[in-house]
């Protein structure tokens, strides 16, 4: 009875937790890589102005679909920002 030990392919004993720890390290490093990617994407979006227009999306539902003219919305948005 070998508590906490398993036999490897070559017959050498190793602790059961060694494999589990290597998987945890792999998962943590992968999650940090993905989180860094999301952070870079968010910073890029903020830097390029993706979050600048807060007015147009809220009134887009009120505009006629057939016209497809958003310059009217942008003009109203610019006029309101100039008055502030």
Foldseek 3Di string as FASTA:
>chain_A
DDPQWDADPVRDIDGPCVVVVVVVVVVVVVVVVVVVVVVVVVVVCVVVCVPPDPDCVVCVVVDDPVVPDCVVVVVVSVVVVVVD
